[in-house]
Amino acid sequence: MDVTREDVLRCATLAHLSLREDEIEPMREAMARMLTHAASLDELPLDQVEPMLAGLGRPLPRREDIPRDTFTQAQALANAPVQDRGYFAVPKVL
């Protein structure tokens, strides 16, 4: 699949990546290989395959819910850059 230099630069811009000049060509080649592989998946005969709505029908592994020792409030706040009256202090968002 053809991937141009402009395609690479556009994707880099959208992903907020800054690529050096020597990184553009290897990235173009890698993108072309990925898209070629993805296009090859279209050739698989999947007409008779039923869609899966979940995993393989096996239950998820579970662990026992056993109480255990946890951090004290002082231990949890020990490395907090800013704390206020026993809580983590964070900047206001709204």
PDB file of N, CA and C in Angstrom:
ATOM      1  N   MET A   1       0.853  -1.168   0.000  1.00  0.00           N
ATOM      2  CA  MET A   1       0.000   0.000   0.000  1.00  0.00           C
ATOM      3  C   MET A   1       0.903   1.237   0.000  1.00  0.00           C
ATOM      4  N   ASP A   2       0.583   2.202  -0.800  1.00  0.00           N
ATOM      5  CA  ASP A   2       1.413   3.398  -0.908  1.00  0.00           C
ATOM      6  C   ASP A   2       1.134   4.376   0.231  1.00  0.00           C
ATOM      7  N   VAL A   3       2.183   4.763   0.881  1.00  0.00           N
ATOM      8  CA  VAL A   3       2.119   5.781   1.928  1.00  0.00           C
ATOM      9  C   VAL A   3       3.126   6.850   1.536  1.00  0.00           C
ATOM     10  N   THR A   4       2.665   8.076   1.483  1.00  0.00           N
ATOM     11  CA  THR A   4       3.552   9.164   1.077  1.00  0.00           C
ATOM     12  C   THR A   4       4.154   9.846   2.298  1.00  0.00           C
ATOM     13  N   ARG A   5       5.143  10.646   2.036  1.00  0.00           N
ATOM     14  CA  ARG A   5       5.778  11.446   3.079  1.00  0.00           C
ATOM     15  C   ARG A   5       4.735  12.353   3.735  1.00  0.00           C
ATOM     16  N   GLU A   6       3.848  12.906   2.918  1.00  0.00           N
ATOM     17  CA  GLU A   6       2.798  13.797   3.432  1.00  0.00           C
ATOM     18  C   GLU A   6       1.846  13.044   4.360  1.00  0.00           C
ATOM     19  N   ASP A   7       1.568  11.762   4.033  1.00  0.00           N
ATOM     20  CA  ASP A   7       0.723  10.948   4.917  1.00  0.00           C
ATOM     21  C   ASP A   7       1.369  10.794   6.291  1.00  0.00           C
ATOM     22  N   VAL A   8       2.665  10.532   6.282  1.00  0.00           N
ATOM     23  CA  VAL A   8       3.399  10.362   7.540  1.00  0.00           C
ATOM     24  C   VAL A   8       3.361  11.657   8.347  1.00  0.00           C
ATOM     25  N   LEU A   9       3.621  12.766   7.692  1.00  0.00           N
ATOM     26  CA  LEU A   9       3.644  14.053   8.394  1.00  0.00           C
ATOM     27  C   LEU A   9       2.257  14.420   8.912  1.00  0.00           C
ATOM     28  N   ARG A  10       1.222  14.101   8.152  1.00  0.00           N
ATOM     29  CA  ARG A  10      -0.141  14.387   8.607  1.00  0.00           C
ATOM     30  C   ARG A  10      -0.480  13.542   9.835  1.00  0.00           C
ATOM     31  N   CYS A  11      -0.154  12.247   9.789  1.00  0.00           N
ATOM     32  CA  CYS A  11      -0.409  11.378  10.950  1.00  0.00           C
ATOM     33  C   CYS A  11       0.388  11.847  12.167  1.00  0.00           C
ATOM     34  N   ALA A  12       1.625  12.258  11.932  1.00  0.00           N
ATOM     35  CA  ALA A  12       2.451  12.749  13.031  1.00  0.00           C
ATOM     36  C   ALA A  12       1.834  14.000  13.645  1.00  0.00           C
ATOM     37  N   THR A  13       1.317  14.869  12.811  1.00  0.00           N
ATOM     38  CA  THR A  13       0.669  16.091  13.309  1.00  0.00           C
ATOM     39  C   THR A  13      -0.569  15.737  14.128  1.00  0.00           C
ATOM     40  N   LEU A  14      -1.383  14.816  13.608  1.00  0.00           N
ATOM     41  CA  LEU A  14      -2.597  14.419  14.325  1.00  0.00           C
ATOM     42  C   LEU A  14      -2.284  13.749  15.659  1.00  0.00           C
ATOM     43  N   ALA A  15      -1.153  13.037  15.714  1.00  0.00           N
ATOM     44  CA  ALA A  15      -0.756  12.347  16.947  1.00  0.00           C
ATOM     45  C   ALA A  15       0.126  13.224  17.827  1.00  0.00           C
ATOM     46  N   HIS A  16       0.335  14.471  17.435  1.00  0.00           N
ATOM     47  CA  HIS A  16       1.174  15.407  18.181  1.00  0.00           C
ATOM     48  C   HIS A  16       2.594  14.864  18.358  1.00  0.00           C
ATOM     49  N   LEU A  17       3.120  14.285  17.266  1.00  0.00           N
ATOM     50  CA  LEU A  17       4.486  13.778  17.269  1.00  0.00           C
ATOM     51  C   LEU A  17       5.357  14.701  16.440  1.00  0.00           C
ATOM     52  N   SER A  18       6.578  14.890  16.864  1.00  0.00           N
ATOM     53  CA  SER A  18       7.526  15.623  16.039  1.00  0.00           C
ATOM     54  C   SER A  18       8.573  14.627  15.564  1.00  0.00           C
ATOM     55  N   LEU A  19       8.635  14.450  14.253  1.00  0.00           N
ATOM     56  CA  LEU A  19       9.573  13.503  13.667  1.00  0.00           C
ATOM     57  C   LEU A  19      10.769  14.252  13.103  1.00  0.00           C
ATOM     58  N   ARG A  20      11.957  13.699  13.358  1.00  0.00           N
ATOM     59  CA  ARG A  20      13.143  14.252  12.731  1.00  0.00           C
ATOM     60  C   ARG A  20      13.156  13.816  11.266  1.00  0.00           C
ATOM     61  N   GLU A  21      13.916  14.477  10.471  1.00  0.00           N
ATOM     62  CA  GLU A  21      13.985  14.168   9.043  1.00  0.00           C
ATOM     63  C   GLU A  21      14.397  12.714   8.797  1.00  0.00           C
ATOM     64  N   ASP A  22      15.318  12.199   9.602  1.00  0.00           N
ATOM     65  CA  ASP A  22      15.788  10.828   9.403  1.00  0.00           C
ATOM     66  C   ASP A  22      14.795   9.774   9.906  1.00  0.00           C
ATOM     67  N   GLU A  23      13.724  10.187  10.570  1.00  0.00           N
ATOM     68  CA  GLU A  23      12.717   9.258  11.062  1.00  0.00           C
ATOM     69  C   GLU A  23      11.541   9.106  10.105  1.00  0.00           C
ATOM     70  N   ILE A  24      11.405  10.008   9.159  1.00  0.00           N
ATOM     71  CA  ILE A  24      10.221  10.018   8.290  1.00  0.00           C
ATOM     72  C   ILE A  24      10.187   8.797   7.375  1.00  0.00           C
ATOM     73  N   GLU A  25      11.288   8.493   6.703  1.00  0.00           N
ATOM     74  CA  GLU A  25      11.296   7.370   5.761  1.00  0.00           C
ATOM     75  C   GLU A  25      11.084   6.022   6.456  1.00  0.00           C
ATOM     76  N   PRO A  26      11.756   5.719   7.573  1.00  0.00           N
ATOM     77  CA  PRO A  26      11.454   4.458   8.261  1.00  0.00           C
ATOM     78  C   PRO A  26       9.996   4.387   8.734  1.00  0.00           C
ATOM     79  N   MET A  27       9.446   5.506   9.145  1.00  0.00           N
ATOM     80  CA  MET A  27       8.049   5.529   9.571  1.00  0.00           C
ATOM     81  C   MET A  27       7.126   5.273   8.380  1.00  0.00           C
ATOM     82  N   ARG A  28       7.458   5.842   7.229  1.00  0.00           N
ATOM     83  CA  ARG A  28       6.661   5.626   6.016  1.00  0.00           C
ATOM     84  C   ARG A  28       6.666   4.148   5.641  1.00  0.00           C
ATOM     85  N   GLU A  29       7.830   3.516   5.708  1.00  0.00           N
ATOM     86  CA  GLU A  29       7.931   2.093   5.381  1.00  0.00           C
ATOM     87  C   GLU A  29       7.140   1.238   6.365  1.00  0.00           C
ATOM     88  N   ALA A  30       7.229   1.560   7.639  1.00  0.00           N
ATOM     89  CA  ALA A  30       6.492   0.803   8.658  1.00  0.00           C
ATOM     90  C   ALA A  30       4.983   0.959   8.474  1.00  0.00           C
ATOM     91  N   MET A  31       4.540   2.168   8.175  1.00  0.00           N
ATOM     92  CA  MET A  31       3.112   2.396   7.952  1.00  0.00           C
ATOM     93  C   MET A  31       2.635   1.636   6.727  1.00  0.00           C
ATOM     94  N   ALA A  32       3.439   1.616   5.686  1.00  0.00           N
ATOM     95  CA  ALA A  32       3.071   0.888   4.470  1.00  0.00           C
ATOM     96  C   ALA A  32       2.945  -0.603   4.759  1.00  0.00           C
ATOM     97  N   ARG A  33       3.881  -1.162   5.548  1.00  0.00           N
ATOM     98  CA  ARG A  33       3.809  -2.582   5.904  1.00  0.00           C
ATOM     99  C   ARG A  33       2.552  -2.879   6.726  1.00  0.00           C
ATOM    100  N   MET A  34       2.231  -2.003   7.676  1.00  0.00           N
ATOM    101  CA  MET A  34       1.043  -2.223   8.508  1.00  0.00           C
ATOM    102  C   MET A  34      -0.226  -2.184   7.677  1.00  0.00           C
ATOM    103  N   LEU A  35      -0.325  -1.221   6.772  1.00  0.00           N
ATOM    104  CA  LEU A  35      -1.525  -1.107   5.953  1.00  0.00           C
ATOM    105  C   LEU A  35      -1.638  -2.256   4.961  1.00  0.00           C
ATOM    106  N   THR A  36      -0.515  -2.732   4.444  1.00  0.00           N
ATOM    107  CA  THR A  36      -0.538  -3.887   3.556  1.00  0.00           C
ATOM    108  C   THR A  36      -1.021  -5.120   4.306  1.00  0.00           C
ATOM    109  N   HIS A  37      -0.540  -5.295   5.528  1.00  0.00           N
ATOM    110  CA  HIS A  37      -0.992  -6.424   6.340  1.00  0.00           C
ATOM    111  C   HIS A  37      -2.486  -6.308   6.647  1.00  0.00           C
ATOM    112  N   ALA A  38      -2.940  -5.131   7.006  1.00  0.00           N
ATOM    113  CA  ALA A  38      -4.358  -4.936   7.311  1.00  0.00           C
ATOM    114  C   ALA A  38      -5.203  -5.221   6.071  1.00  0.00           C
ATOM    115  N   ALA A  39      -4.744  -4.809   4.903  1.00  0.00           N
ATOM    116  CA  ALA A  39      -5.485  -5.070   3.669  1.00  0.00           C
ATOM    117  C   ALA A  39      -5.530  -6.558   3.365  1.00  0.00           C
ATOM    118  N   SER A  40      -4.481  -7.299   3.722  1.00  0.00           N
ATOM    119  CA  SER A  40      -4.469  -8.745   3.465  1.00  0.00           C
ATOM    120  C   SER A  40      -5.521  -9.464   4.302  1.00  0.00           C
ATOM    121  N   LEU A  41      -5.931  -8.887   5.410  1.00  0.00           N
ATOM    122  CA  LEU A  41      -6.964  -9.508   6.245  1.00  0.00           C
ATOM    123  C   LEU A  41      -8.316  -9.520   5.545  1.00  0.00           C
ATOM    124  N   ASP A  42      -8.528  -8.604   4.595  1.00  0.00           N
ATOM    125  CA  ASP A  42      -9.782  -8.583   3.843  1.00  0.00           C
ATOM    126  C   ASP A  42      -9.949  -9.827   2.979  1.00  0.00           C
ATOM    127  N   GLU A  43      -8.867 -10.508   2.672  1.00  0.00           N
ATOM    128  CA  GLU A  43      -8.921 -11.672   1.799  1.00  0.00           C
ATOM    129  C   GLU A  43      -9.288 -12.953   2.545  1.00  0.00           C
ATOM    130  N   LEU A  44      -9.348 -12.919   3.853  1.00  0.00           N
ATOM    131  CA  LEU A  44      -9.679 -14.115   4.625  1.00  0.00           C
ATOM    132  C   LEU A  44     -11.139 -14.510   4.404  1.00  0.00           C
ATOM    133  N   PRO A  45     -11.416 -15.805   4.256  1.00  0.00           N
ATOM    134  CA  PRO A  45     -12.805 -16.255   4.058  1.00  0.00           C
ATOM    135  C   PRO A  45     -13.548 -16.307   5.396  1.00  0.00           C
ATOM    136  N   LEU A  46     -14.238 -15.252   5.714  1.00  0.00           N
ATOM    137  CA  LEU A  46     -14.915 -15.152   7.009  1.00  0.00           C
ATOM    138  C   LEU A  46     -16.431 -15.220   6.894  1.00  0.00           C
ATOM    139  N   ASP A  47     -16.942 -15.622   5.726  1.00  0.00           N
ATOM    140  CA  ASP A  47     -18.391 -15.646   5.522  1.00  0.00           C
ATOM    141  C   ASP A  47     -19.104 -16.598   6.481  1.00  0.00           C
ATOM    142  N   GLN A  48     -18.472 -17.709   6.823  1.00  0.00           N
ATOM    143  CA  GLN A  48     -19.103 -18.719   7.664  1.00  0.00           C
ATOM    144  C   GLN A  48     -18.771 -18.556   9.150  1.00  0.00           C
ATOM    145  N   VAL A  49     -18.053 -17.516   9.510  1.00  0.00           N
ATOM    146  CA  VAL A  49     -17.647 -17.315  10.900  1.00  0.00           C
ATOM    147  C   VAL A  49     -18.679 -16.434  11.594  1.00  0.00           C
ATOM    148  N   GLU A  50     -19.188 -16.945  12.704  1.00  0.00           N
ATOM    149  CA  GLU A  50     -20.170 -16.160  13.458  1.00  0.00           C
ATOM    150  C   GLU A  50     -19.465 -15.067  14.254  1.00  0.00           C
ATOM    151  N   PRO A  51     -20.063 -13.885  14.326  1.00  0.00           N
ATOM    152  CA  PRO A  51     -19.450 -12.813  15.125  1.00  0.00           C
ATOM    153  C   PRO A  51     -19.429 -13.185  16.599  1.00  0.00           C
ATOM    154  N   MET A  52     -18.391 -12.764  17.287  1.00  0.00           N
ATOM    155  CA  MET A  52     -18.276 -13.010  18.725  1.00  0.00           C
ATOM    156  C   MET A  52     -18.660 -11.742  19.471  1.00  0.00           C
ATOM    157  N   LEU A  53     -19.522 -11.885  20.424  1.00  0.00           N
ATOM    158  CA  LEU A  53     -19.931 -10.737  21.221  1.00  0.00           C
ATOM    159  C   LEU A  53     -19.090 -10.614  22.480  1.00  0.00           C
ATOM    160  N   ALA A  54     -18.441 -11.690  22.870  1.00  0.00           N
ATOM    161  CA  ALA A  54     -17.607 -11.673  24.069  1.00  0.00           C
ATOM    162  C   ALA A  54     -16.423 -12.589  23.817  1.00  0.00           C
ATOM    163  N   GLY A  55     -15.663 -12.877  24.857  1.00  0.00           N
ATOM    164  CA  GLY A  55     -14.475 -13.710  24.744  1.00  0.00           C
ATOM    165  C   GLY A  55     -14.767 -15.096  24.223  1.00  0.00           C
ATOM    166  N   LEU A  56     -14.157 -16.067  24.776  1.00  0.00           N
ATOM    167  CA  LEU A  56     -14.287 -17.437  24.291  1.00  0.00           C
ATOM    168  C   LEU A  56     -15.338 -18.232  25.053  1.00  0.00           C
ATOM    169  N   GLY A  57     -16.216 -17.570  25.752  1.00  0.00           N
ATOM    170  CA  GLY A  57     -17.257 -18.259  26.496  1.00  0.00           C
ATOM    171  C   GLY A  57     -16.781 -18.832  27.816  1.00  0.00           C
ATOM    172  N   ARG A  58     -15.585 -18.504  28.200  1.00  0.00           N
ATOM    173  CA  ARG A  58     -15.044 -18.977  29.472  1.00  0.00           C
ATOM    174  C   ARG A  58     -15.288 -17.909  30.536  1.00  0.00           C
ATOM    175  N   PRO A  59     -15.548 -18.341  31.756  1.00  0.00           N
ATOM    176  CA  PRO A  59     -15.713 -17.319  32.811  1.00  0.00           C
ATOM    177  C   PRO A  59     -14.382 -16.627  33.097  1.00  0.00           C
ATOM    178  N   LEU A  60     -14.476 -15.395  33.502  1.00  0.00           N
ATOM    179  CA  LEU A  60     -13.281 -14.649  33.850  1.00  0.00           C
ATOM    180  C   LEU A  60     -12.680 -15.195  35.137  1.00  0.00           C
ATOM    181  N   PRO A  61     -11.366 -15.252  35.213  1.00  0.00           N
ATOM    182  CA  PRO A  61     -10.763 -15.733  36.464  1.00  0.00           C
ATOM    183  C   PRO A  61     -11.074 -14.764  37.600  1.00  0.00           C
ATOM    184  N   ARG A  62     -11.363 -15.300  38.728  1.00  0.00           N
ATOM    185  CA  ARG A  62     -11.702 -14.463  39.885  1.00  0.00           C
ATOM    186  C   ARG A  62     -10.784 -14.823  41.041  1.00  0.00           C
ATOM    187  N   ARG A  63     -10.624 -13.884  41.934  1.00  0.00           N
ATOM    188  CA  ARG A  63      -9.862 -14.152  43.146  1.00  0.00           C
ATOM    189  C   ARG A  63     -10.791 -13.942  44.332  1.00  0.00           C
ATOM    190  N   GLU A  64     -10.448 -14.549  45.416  1.00  0.00           N
ATOM    191  CA  GLU A  64     -11.269 -14.387  46.603  1.00  0.00           C
ATOM    192  C   GLU A  64     -11.175 -12.950  47.101  1.00  0.00           C
ATOM    193  N   ASP A  65     -12.268 -12.459  47.605  1.00  0.00           N
ATOM    194  CA  ASP A  65     -12.308 -11.104  48.144  1.00  0.00           C
ATOM    195  C   ASP A  65     -11.982 -11.183  49.630  1.00  0.00           C
ATOM    196  N   ILE A  66     -10.689 -11.134  49.913  1.00  0.00           N
ATOM    197  CA  ILE A  66     -10.222 -11.282  51.289  1.00  0.00           C
ATOM    198  C   ILE A  66      -9.679  -9.941  51.764  1.00  0.00           C
ATOM    199  N   PRO A  67     -10.154  -9.455  52.909  1.00  0.00           N
ATOM    200  CA  PRO A  67      -9.606  -8.194  53.429  1.00  0.00           C
ATOM    201  C   PRO A  67      -8.115  -8.356  53.732  1.00  0.00           C
ATOM    202  N   ARG A  68      -7.357  -7.301  53.486  1.00  0.00           N
ATOM    203  CA  ARG A  68      -5.928  -7.338  53.781  1.00  0.00           C
ATOM    204  C   ARG A  68      -5.491  -5.967  54.256  1.00  0.00           C
ATOM    205  N   ASP A  69      -4.281  -5.911  54.773  1.00  0.00           N
ATOM    206  CA  ASP A  69      -3.766  -4.643  55.268  1.00  0.00           C
ATOM    207  C   ASP A  69      -3.612  -3.656  54.120  1.00  0.00           C
ATOM    208  N   THR A  70      -3.936  -2.400  54.398  1.00  0.00           N
ATOM    209  CA  THR A  70      -3.800  -1.350  53.392  1.00  0.00           C
ATOM    210  C   THR A  70      -2.962  -0.222  53.980  1.00  0.00           C
ATOM    211  N   PHE A  71      -2.754   0.805  53.183  1.00  0.00           N
ATOM    212  CA  PHE A  71      -2.019   1.975  53.642  1.00  0.00           C
ATOM    213  C   PHE A  71      -2.816   2.723  54.698  1.00  0.00           C
ATOM    214  N   THR A  72      -2.114   3.320  55.610  1.00  0.00           N
ATOM    215  CA  THR A  72      -2.765   4.271  56.507  1.00  0.00           C
ATOM    216  C   THR A  72      -2.905   5.580  55.728  1.00  0.00           C
ATOM    217  N   GLN A  73      -3.691   6.473  56.237  1.00  0.00           N
ATOM    218  CA  GLN A  73      -3.856   7.763  55.569  1.00  0.00           C
ATOM    219  C   GLN A  73      -2.517   8.492  55.485  1.00  0.00           C
ATOM    220  N   ALA A  74      -1.733   8.439  56.532  1.00  0.00           N
ATOM    221  CA  ALA A  74      -0.430   9.108  56.544  1.00  0.00           C
ATOM    222  C   ALA A  74       0.509   8.498  55.506  1.00  0.00           C
ATOM    223  N   GLN A  75       0.486   7.163  55.359  1.00  0.00           N
ATOM    224  CA  GLN A  75       1.338   6.516  54.362  1.00  0.00           C
ATOM    225  C   GLN A  75       0.901   6.892  52.943  1.00  0.00           C
ATOM    226  N   ALA A  76      -0.404   6.946  52.720  1.00  0.00           N
ATOM    227  CA  ALA A  76      -0.906   7.287  51.393  1.00  0.00           C
ATOM    228  C   ALA A  76      -0.530   8.710  51.012  1.00  0.00           C
ATOM    229  N   LEU A  77      -0.507   9.605  51.967  1.00  0.00           N
ATOM    230  CA  LEU A  77      -0.211  11.010  51.692  1.00  0.00           C
ATOM    231  C   LEU A  77       1.276  11.343  51.786  1.00  0.00           C
ATOM    232  N   ALA A  78       2.097  10.380  52.145  1.00  0.00           N
ATOM    233  CA  ALA A  78       3.518  10.650  52.397  1.00  0.00           C
ATOM    234  C   ALA A  78       4.235  11.266  51.204  1.00  0.00           C
ATOM    235  N   ASN A  79       3.926  10.849  49.992  1.00  0.00           N
ATOM    236  CA  ASN A  79       4.603  11.374  48.802  1.00  0.00           C
ATOM    237  C   ASN A  79       3.768  12.373  48.021  1.00  0.00           C
ATOM    238  N   ALA A  80       2.655  12.786  48.571  1.00  0.00           N
ATOM    239  CA  ALA A  80       1.804  13.748  47.871  1.00  0.00           C
ATOM    240  C   ALA A  80       2.515  15.097  47.775  1.00  0.00           C
ATOM    241  N   PRO A  81       2.571  15.687  46.587  1.00  0.00           N
ATOM    242  CA  PRO A  81       3.239  16.981  46.471  1.00  0.00           C
ATOM    243  C   PRO A  81       2.536  18.063  47.292  1.00  0.00           C
ATOM    244  N   VAL A  82       1.200  17.992  47.338  1.00  0.00           N
ATOM    245  CA  VAL A  82       0.432  18.969  48.114  1.00  0.00           C
ATOM    246  C   VAL A  82      -0.699  18.220  48.803  1.00  0.00           C
ATOM    247  N   GLN A  83      -0.866  18.481  50.074  1.00  0.00           N
ATOM    248  CA  GLN A  83      -1.982  17.885  50.807  1.00  0.00           C
ATOM    249  C   GLN A  83      -2.644  18.963  51.648  1.00  0.00           C
ATOM    250  N   ASP A  84      -3.909  18.740  51.930  1.00  0.00           N
ATOM    251  CA  ASP A  84      -4.665  19.733  52.679  1.00  0.00           C
ATOM    252  C   ASP A  84      -5.607  19.007  53.627  1.00  0.00           C
ATOM    253  N   ARG A  85      -5.404  19.162  54.911  1.00  0.00           N
ATOM    254  CA  ARG A  85      -6.249  18.582  55.957  1.00  0.00           C
ATOM    255  C   ARG A  85      -6.492  17.089  55.763  1.00  0.00           C
ATOM    256  N   GLY A  86      -5.440  16.355  55.418  1.00  0.00           N
ATOM    257  CA  GLY A  86      -5.555  14.911  55.304  1.00  0.00           C
ATOM    258  C   GLY A  86      -6.023  14.405  53.953  1.00  0.00           C
ATOM    259  N   TYR A  87      -6.068  15.274  52.947  1.00  0.00           N
ATOM    260  CA  TYR A  87      -6.504  14.883  51.615  1.00  0.00           C
ATOM    261  C   TYR A  87      -5.467  15.326  50.589  1.00  0.00           C
ATOM    262  N   PHE A  88      -5.485  14.685  49.394  1.00  0.00           N
ATOM    263  CA  PHE A  88      -4.662  15.157  48.298  1.00  0.00           C
ATOM    264  C   PHE A  88      -5.232  16.471  47.812  1.00  0.00           C
ATOM    265  N   ALA A  89      -4.393  17.467  47.618  1.00  0.00           N
ATOM    266  CA  ALA A  89      -4.829  18.755  47.072  1.00  0.00           C
ATOM    267  C   ALA A  89      -4.480  18.779  45.592  1.00  0.00           C
ATOM    268  N   VAL A  90      -5.483  19.018  44.760  1.00  0.00           N
ATOM    269  CA  VAL A  90      -5.283  19.067  43.304  1.00  0.00           C
ATOM    270  C   VAL A  90      -5.849  20.366  42.763  1.00  0.00           C
ATOM    271  N   PRO A  91      -5.375  20.811  41.599  1.00  0.00           N
ATOM    272  CA  PRO A  91      -5.910  22.042  41.026  1.00  0.00           C
ATOM    273  C   PRO A  91      -7.400  21.888  40.674  1.00  0.00           C
ATOM    274  N   LYS A  92      -8.116  22.993  40.753  1.00  0.00           N
ATOM    275  CA  LYS A  92      -9.517  22.971  40.355  1.00  0.00           C
ATOM    276  C   LYS A  92      -9.611  22.729  38.854  1.00  0.00           C
ATOM    277  N   VAL A  93     -10.610  21.960  38.441  1.00  0.00           N
ATOM    278  CA  VAL A  93     -10.784  21.641  37.027  1.00  0.00           C
ATOM    279  C   VAL A  93     -11.856  22.539  36.413  1.00  0.00           C
ATOM    280  N   LEU A  94     -12.884  22.810  37.141  1.00  0.00           N
ATOM    281  CA  LEU A  94     -13.983  23.629  36.608  1.00  0.00           C
ATOM    282  C   LEU A  94     -13.885  25.040  37.109  1.00  0.00           C
TER     283      LEU A  94
END
